[in-house]
Amino acid sequence: MITAIVLIDCATDSIPEVAETLANLPGVSEVYSVAGHVDLIAMVRVREFEQIAQVIAGSISKVPGVINTESHIAFRAYSQHDLEEAFAIGLANAD
């Protein structure tokens, strides 16, 4: 699975509508309304690298109200769940 984090600037008066439209696009797994220098962050998850361009340039960028996007491709995911499993290898449950 290939994950891209897409930072999105959009027209201020259409943030909720843009977010809803983006969330319904194939390949977009989540959309967050955020504080900071961007309005929305979309998580794109696809099976093939070529699909990244289809989803971001072919779909996200064409949604009415989207002004600009900045994309970041994830190399590896780290989560608390992953860390707990790594440190628990070979250890008996303390309960």
Protein backbone atom coordinates (compact mmCIF):
# COMPACT_ATOMS: atom_id res chain seq x y z
CA MET A 1 0.00 0.00 0.00
CA ILE A 2 1.33 3.43 -0.97
CA THR A 3 0.34 6.35 1.23
CA ALA A 4 0.47 10.03 0.29
CA ILE A 5 -0.30 12.92 2.61
CA VAL A 6 -1.81 15.79 0.63
CA LEU A 7 -1.88 19.32 2.08
CA ILE A 8 -4.71 21.27 0.49
CA ASP A 9 -5.45 25.00 0.25
CA CYS A 10 -9.03 25.71 -0.69
CA ALA A 11 -11.51 28.54 -0.92
CA THR A 12 -12.34 29.48 2.67
CA ASP A 13 -16.08 29.60 2.08
CA SER A 14 -16.16 26.04 0.71
CA ILE A 15 -13.98 24.03 3.12
CA PRO A 16 -16.76 21.66 4.34
CA GLU A 17 -18.04 21.00 0.81
CA VAL A 18 -14.53 20.42 -0.54
CA ALA A 19 -13.73 18.06 2.36
CA GLU A 20 -16.88 16.03 1.75
CA THR A 21 -16.20 15.78 -1.98
CA LEU A 22 -12.60 14.73 -1.36
CA ALA A 23 -13.61 12.09 1.20
CA ASN A 24 -15.80 10.43 -1.44
CA LEU A 25 -13.05 10.16 -4.07
CA PRO A 26 -11.63 6.69 -4.78
CA GLY A 27 -8.19 6.41 -3.18
CA VAL A 28 -8.86 9.05 -0.51
CA SER A 29 -9.16 7.28 2.84
CA GLU A 30 -9.47 10.29 5.17
CA VAL A 31 -9.77 14.07 5.05
CA TYR A 32 -8.99 16.32 8.02
CA SER A 33 -9.91 19.97 8.51
CA VAL A 34 -6.90 21.49 10.25
CA ALA A 35 -5.52 24.67 11.76
CA GLY A 36 -2.31 26.05 10.30
CA HIS A 37 -1.04 27.08 6.90
CA VAL A 38 -3.34 24.67 4.99
CA ASP A 39 -7.08 24.10 5.17
CA LEU A 40 -7.34 20.34 4.68
CA ILE A 41 -5.12 17.27 4.82
CA ALA A 42 -6.11 14.22 2.79
CA MET A 43 -4.70 10.74 3.23
CA VAL A 44 -4.41 8.92 -0.08
CA ARG A 45 -3.87 5.16 -0.06
CA VAL A 46 -3.44 3.23 -3.30
CA ARG A 47 -1.91 -0.07 -4.42
CA GLU A 48 0.18 1.17 -7.35
CA PHE A 49 2.50 4.19 -7.54
CA GLU A 50 0.90 5.28 -10.84
CA GLN A 51 -2.43 5.69 -9.05
CA ILE A 52 -1.00 8.52 -6.93
CA ALA A 53 -0.99 10.83 -9.95
CA GLN A 54 -4.49 9.74 -10.93
CA VAL A 55 -5.89 10.51 -7.49
CA ILE A 56 -3.99 13.74 -6.75
CA ALA A 57 -3.57 15.42 -10.15
CA GLY A 58 -6.53 13.74 -11.80
CA SER A 59 -9.10 14.03 -9.02
CA ILE A 60 -8.15 16.08 -5.94
CA SER A 61 -6.72 19.03 -7.87
CA LYS A 62 -9.84 19.19 -10.05
CA VAL A 63 -12.35 19.47 -7.20
CA PRO A 64 -14.03 22.90 -7.32
CA GLY A 65 -12.68 25.03 -4.47
CA VAL A 66 -9.23 23.40 -4.36
CA ILE A 67 -6.66 26.14 -4.91
CA ASN A 68 -3.35 24.34 -4.33
CA THR A 69 -1.98 20.97 -3.21
CA GLU A 70 1.33 19.83 -1.77
CA SER A 71 1.93 16.08 -1.70
CA HIS A 72 4.20 13.96 0.47
CA ILE A 73 4.80 10.26 -0.18
CA ALA A 74 5.22 8.14 2.96
CA PHE A 75 8.19 5.76 3.05
CA ARG A 76 7.23 3.93 6.23
CA ALA A 77 4.49 4.17 8.83
CA TYR A 78 5.19 4.24 12.55
CA SER A 79 2.44 3.95 15.09
CA GLN A 80 2.11 3.31 18.81
CA HIS A 81 0.65 -0.10 17.94
CA ASP A 82 3.79 -0.99 15.95
CA LEU A 83 6.09 0.15 18.76
CA GLU A 84 4.19 -1.84 21.41
CA GLU A 85 4.47 -5.02 19.31
CA ALA A 86 8.19 -4.49 18.68
CA PHE A 87 9.00 -4.07 22.37
CA ALA A 88 6.72 -6.93 23.46
CA ILE A 89 8.48 -9.59 21.36
CA GLY A 90 9.44 -12.47 23.62
CA LEU A 91 8.05 -10.90 26.76
CA ALA A 92 5.39 -12.62 28.81
CA ASN A 93 2.20 -10.71 29.57
CA ALA A 94 2.61 -8.93 32.93
CA ASP A 95 -0.97 -9.70 34.00
